[in-house]
C-alpha atoms as a PDB file:
ATOM      1  CA  MET A   1      13.349   6.495   0.396  1.00  0.00           C
ATOM      2  CA  PRO A   2      13.820   9.584  -1.757  1.00  0.00           C
ATOM      3  CA  GLY A   3      10.546  11.195  -2.799  1.00  0.00           C
ATOM      4  CA  GLN A   4      11.212  10.994  -6.524  1.00  0.00           C
ATOM      5  CA  GLU A   5      11.865   7.257  -6.230  1.00  0.00           C
ATOM      6  CA  LEU A   6       8.657   6.682  -4.262  1.00  0.00           C
ATOM      7  CA  VAL A   7       6.396   8.556  -6.701  1.00  0.00           C
ATOM      8  CA  ARG A   8       7.805   6.491  -9.589  1.00  0.00           C
ATOM      9  CA  LEU A   9       6.395   3.383  -7.873  1.00  0.00           C
ATOM     10  CA  VAL A  10       2.830   4.754  -7.786  1.00  0.00           C
ATOM     11  CA  PRO A  11       0.668   3.158 -10.514  1.00  0.00           C
ATOM     12  CA  ARG A  12      -0.675   5.770 -12.936  1.00  0.00           C
ATOM     13  CA  VAL A  13      -4.236   5.489 -14.182  1.00  0.00           C
ATOM     14  CA  ARG A  14      -5.270   9.080 -14.899  1.00  0.00           C
ATOM     15  CA  ASN A  15      -1.759  10.588 -14.979  1.00  0.00           C
ATOM     16  CA  ASP A  16      -2.723  13.528 -12.777  1.00  0.00           C
ATOM     17  CA  HIS A  17      -2.765  14.328  -9.058  1.00  0.00           C
ATOM     18  CA  THR A  18      -5.630  11.881  -8.405  1.00  0.00           C
ATOM     19  CA  ASP A  19      -3.198   8.981  -8.879  1.00  0.00           C
ATOM     20  CA  PHE A  20      -1.553  10.035  -5.606  1.00  0.00           C
ATOM     21  CA  TYR A  21      -4.610  10.121  -3.323  1.00  0.00           C
ATOM     22  CA  GLY A  22      -3.864   6.638  -1.944  1.00  0.00           C
ATOM     23  CA  LEU A  23      -0.350   7.620  -0.922  1.00  0.00           C
ATOM     24  CA  ALA A  24      -1.608  10.927   0.455  1.00  0.00           C
ATOM     25  CA  ALA A  25      -4.233   9.094   2.526  1.00  0.00           C
ATOM     26  CA  LEU A  26      -1.529   6.844   3.983  1.00  0.00           C
ATOM     27  CA  MET A  27       0.419   9.918   5.001  1.00  0.00           C
ATOM     28  CA  HIS A  28      -2.540  11.650   6.634  1.00  0.00           C
ATOM     29  CA  ALA A  29      -3.503   8.424   8.438  1.00  0.00           C
ATOM     30  CA  GLY A  30      -0.040   8.450  10.012  1.00  0.00           C
ATOM     31  CA  TYR A  31       1.349   5.354   8.269  1.00  0.00           C
ATOM     32  CA  MET A  32       3.966   7.276   6.277  1.00  0.00           C
ATOM     33  CA  PHE A  33       5.707  10.603   6.758  1.00  0.00           C
ATOM     34  CA  ALA A  34       8.163  12.769   4.889  1.00  0.00           C
ATOM     35  CA  ASP A  35      11.273  14.528   6.079  1.00  0.00           C
ATOM     36  CA  VAL A  36      11.323  17.957   4.445  1.00  0.00           C
ATOM     37  CA  SER A  37      14.180  20.363   4.934  1.00  0.00           C
ATOM     38  CA  ALA A  38      13.050  23.812   6.095  1.00  0.00           C
ATOM     39  CA  GLU A  39      16.065  25.840   4.973  1.00  0.00           C
ATOM     40  CA  GLU A  40      15.001  29.144   6.519  1.00  0.00           C
ATOM     41  CA  HIS A  41      15.138  27.592  10.012  1.00  0.00           C
ATOM     42  CA  ARG A  42      17.737  24.905   9.238  1.00  0.00           C
ATOM     43  CA  ARG A  43      15.523  22.168  10.615  1.00  0.00           C
ATOM     44  CA  ILE A  44      13.636  19.203   9.230  1.00  0.00           C
ATOM     45  CA  GLU A  45       9.839  19.159   9.165  1.00  0.00           C
ATOM     46  CA  ARG A  46       8.353  15.695   9.573  1.00  0.00           C
ATOM     47  CA  GLY A  47       4.851  14.764   8.413  1.00  0.00           C
ATOM     48  CA  PRO A  48       2.674  14.874   5.293  1.00  0.00           C
ATOM     49  CA  VAL A  49       3.728  17.166   2.436  1.00  0.00           C
ATOM     50  CA  GLY A  50       0.435  19.075   2.501  1.00  0.00           C
ATOM     51  CA  ASN A  51      -2.248  20.429   4.793  1.00  0.00           C
ATOM     52  CA  ASP A  52      -4.901  17.934   3.691  1.00  0.00           C
ATOM     53  CA  THR A  53      -5.153  14.860   1.465  1.00  0.00           C
ATOM     54  CA  GLN A  54      -5.848  16.876  -1.684  1.00  0.00           C
ATOM     55  CA  ASP A  55      -2.944  19.250  -1.042  1.00  0.00           C
ATOM     56  CA  THR A  56      -0.639  16.292  -0.380  1.00  0.00           C
ATOM     57  CA  ALA A  57      -1.757  14.530  -3.585  1.00  0.00           C
ATOM     58  CA  VAL A  58      -0.988  17.695  -5.563  1.00  0.00           C
ATOM     59  CA  SER A  59       2.442  17.970  -3.913  1.00  0.00           C
ATOM     60  CA  LEU A  60       3.221  14.324  -4.671  1.00  0.00           C
ATOM     61  CA  TYR A  61       2.231  14.888  -8.292  1.00  0.00           C
ATOM     62  CA  GLN A  62       4.613  17.838  -8.384  1.00  0.00           C
ATOM     63  CA  LEU A  63       7.389  15.474  -7.244  1.00  0.00           C
ATOM     64  CA  ALA A  64       6.497  13.115 -10.096  1.00  0.00           C
ATOM     65  CA  LEU A  65       6.653  15.754 -12.841  1.00  0.00           C
ATOM     66  CA  PRO A  66       9.745  15.845 -15.037  1.00  0.00           C
ATOM     67  CA  VAL A  67      11.922  18.953 -14.864  1.00  0.00           C
ATOM     68  CA  GLY A  68      10.345  21.924 -16.603  1.00  0.00           C
ATOM     69  CA  GLN A  69       6.786  20.587 -16.640  1.00  0.00           C
ATOM     70  CA  SER A  70       3.871  22.125 -14.771  1.00  0.00           C
ATOM     71  CA  PHE A  71       0.124  21.716 -14.378  1.00  0.00           C
ATOM     72  CA  THR A  72      -2.804  23.878 -13.387  1.00  0.00           C
ATOM     73  CA  PHE A  73      -5.083  22.945 -10.507  1.00  0.00           C
ATOM     74  CA  HIS A  74      -7.891  25.268  -9.361  1.00  0.00           C
ATOM     75  CA  ASP A  75      -6.509  28.012 -11.605  1.00  0.00           C
ATOM     76  CA  VAL A  76      -3.103  27.842  -9.882  1.00  0.00           C
ATOM     77  CA  SER A  77      -0.011  26.760 -11.763  1.00  0.00           C
ATOM     78  CA  HIS A  78       2.161  24.151 -10.028  1.00  0.00           C
ATOM     79  CA  GLU A  79       5.772  23.639 -11.125  1.00  0.00           C
ATOM     80  CA  SER A  80       7.790  20.427 -10.998  1.00  0.00           C
ATOM     81  CA  TRP A  81       9.470  19.576  -7.698  1.00  0.00           C
ATOM     82  CA  HIS A  82      11.690  17.055  -9.429  1.00  0.00           C
ATOM     83  CA  ASP A  83      14.793  18.112  -7.461  1.00  0.00           C
ATOM     84  CA  PHE A  84      13.013  18.883  -4.169  1.00  0.00           C
ATOM     85  CA  PRO A  85      14.919  17.191  -1.293  1.00  0.00           C
ATOM     86  CA  VAL A  86      12.365  15.024   0.485  1.00  0.00           C
ATOM     87  CA  ASN A  87      12.630  11.534   1.957  1.00  0.00           C
ATOM     88  CA  PHE A  88       9.702   9.292   2.853  1.00  0.00           C
ATOM     89  CA  PHE A  89       9.638   6.713   5.603  1.00  0.00           C
ATOM     90  CA  ILE A  90       7.165   4.351   7.193  1.00  0.00           C
ATOM     91  CA  THR A  91       6.096   5.193  10.731  1.00  0.00           C
ATOM     92  CA  SER A  92       5.729   2.804  13.654  1.00  0.00           C
ATOM     93  CA  ASN A  93       1.956   2.776  13.029  1.00  0.00           C
ATOM     94  CA  GLY A  94       2.684   1.834   9.437  1.00  0.00           C
ATOM     95  CA  MET A  95       4.909  -1.036  10.536  1.00  0.00           C
ATOM     96  CA  LEU A  96       2.222  -2.291  12.914  1.00  0.00           C
ATOM     97  CA  LYS A  97      -0.358  -2.122  10.115  1.00  0.00           C
ATOM     98  CA  LEU A  98       1.935  -4.089   7.772  1.00  0.00           C
ATOM     99  CA  GLU A  99       2.433  -6.756  10.445  1.00  0.00           C
ATOM    100  CA  GLU A 100      -1.330  -6.934  10.958  1.00  0.00           C
ATOM    101  CA  LEU A 101      -1.893  -7.352   7.213  1.00  0.00           C
ATOM    102  CA  ASP A 102       0.780 -10.072   7.080  1.00  0.00           C
ATOM    103  CA  GLN A 103      -0.894 -11.906   9.960  1.00  0.00           C
ATOM    104  CA  ARG A 104      -4.277 -11.697   8.224  1.00  0.00           C
ATOM    105  CA  ALA A 105      -2.779 -13.094   5.016  1.00  0.00           C
ATOM    106  CA  GLU A 106      -1.141 -15.924   6.955  1.00  0.00           C
ATOM    107  CA  MET A 107      -4.432 -16.717   8.707  1.00  0.00           C
ATOM    108  CA  ARG A 108      -6.272 -16.810   5.345  1.00  0.00           C
ATOM    109  CA  LYS A 109      -3.600 -19.141   3.990  1.00  0.00           C
ATOM    110  CA  GLN A 110      -3.922 -21.417   7.043  1.00  0.00           C
ATOM    111  CA  ARG A 111      -7.736 -21.487   6.782  1.00  0.00           C
ATOM    112  CA  ARG A 112      -7.506 -22.377   3.085  1.00  0.00           C
ATOM    113  CA  PHE A 113      -5.100 -25.242   3.900  1.00  0.00           C
ATOM    114  CA  ASP A 114      -7.378 -26.455   6.709  1.00  0.00           C
ATOM    115  CA  TYR A 115     -10.372 -26.408   4.352  1.00  0.00           C
ATOM    116  CA  TRP A 116      -8.668 -28.464   1.647  1.00  0.00           C
ATOM    117  CA  PHE A 117      -7.226 -30.858   4.230  1.00  0.00           C
ATOM    118  CA  ALA A 118     -10.733 -31.421   5.655  1.00  0.00           C
ATOM    119  CA  VAL A 119     -12.099 -32.005   2.137  1.00  0.00           C
ATOM    120  CA  ALA A 120      -9.359 -34.556   1.438  1.00  0.00           C
ATOM    121  CA  ILE A 121     -10.046 -36.381   4.729  1.00  0.00           C
ATOM    122  CA  ALA A 122     -13.789 -36.419   3.976  1.00  0.00           C
ATOM    123  CA  ILE A 123     -13.169 -37.908   0.528  1.00  0.00           C
ATOM    124  CA  LEU A 124     -10.822 -40.537   1.978  1.00  0.00           C
ATOM    125  CA  ALA A 125     -13.389 -41.398   4.683  1.00  0.00           C
ATOM    126  CA  ALA A 126     -16.135 -41.736   2.055  1.00  0.00           C
ATOM    127  CA  LEU A 127     -13.933 -43.965  -0.123  1.00  0.00           C
ATOM    128  CA  ALA A 128     -12.929 -46.126   2.859  1.00  0.00           C
ATOM    129  CA  SER A 129     -16.545 -46.389   4.000  1.00  0.00           C
ATOM    130  CA  SER A 130     -17.664 -47.368   0.511  1.00  0.00           C
ATOM    131  CA  PHE A 131     -14.881 -49.930   0.175  1.00  0.00           C
ATOM    132  CA  PHE A 132     -15.567 -51.592   3.512  1.00  0.00           C
ATOM    133  CA  THR A 133     -19.342 -51.532   2.955  1.00  0.00           C
ATOM    134  CA  SER A 134     -18.964 -53.288  -0.381  1.00  0.00           C
ATOM    135  CA  LEU A 135     -16.400 -55.711   1.088  1.00  0.00           C
ATOM    136  CA  LEU A 136     -18.640 -56.676   4.015  1.00  0.00           C
ATOM    137  CA  SER A 137     -21.889 -56.835   2.031  1.00  0.00           C
ATOM    138  CA  ASP A 138     -20.446 -59.372  -0.463  1.00  0.00           C
ATOM    139  CA  HIS A 139     -20.053 -62.004   2.252  1.00  0.00           C
END
């Protein structure tokens, strides 16, 4: 997915680089990477777009800025990377994590169904017991 498209999907609360810490953490945990073109060597660098989580969050915020805008962070001005050619992709570890989360959600759904099914059976058993008790005690 193109970088500019990905950063548009990030929910904005503070409208600064801190909004991108979650995405940066995913990258540094190895769940997502970026393909960045290194023109001087004509090769593609693969990995996070920064040396640490903070640096990556700042870089992602630069991708999100409209053309011509900039911001200052630690007394350093950062320009927009609106046209910077970068693509993001999910890694194999990221896919495994998504499958694990899907399995957990499915297990929670199954446990919830089992709970309500057991409650329904208990209510039916109580009603049947009450009915037969009253039926047999009348005679």
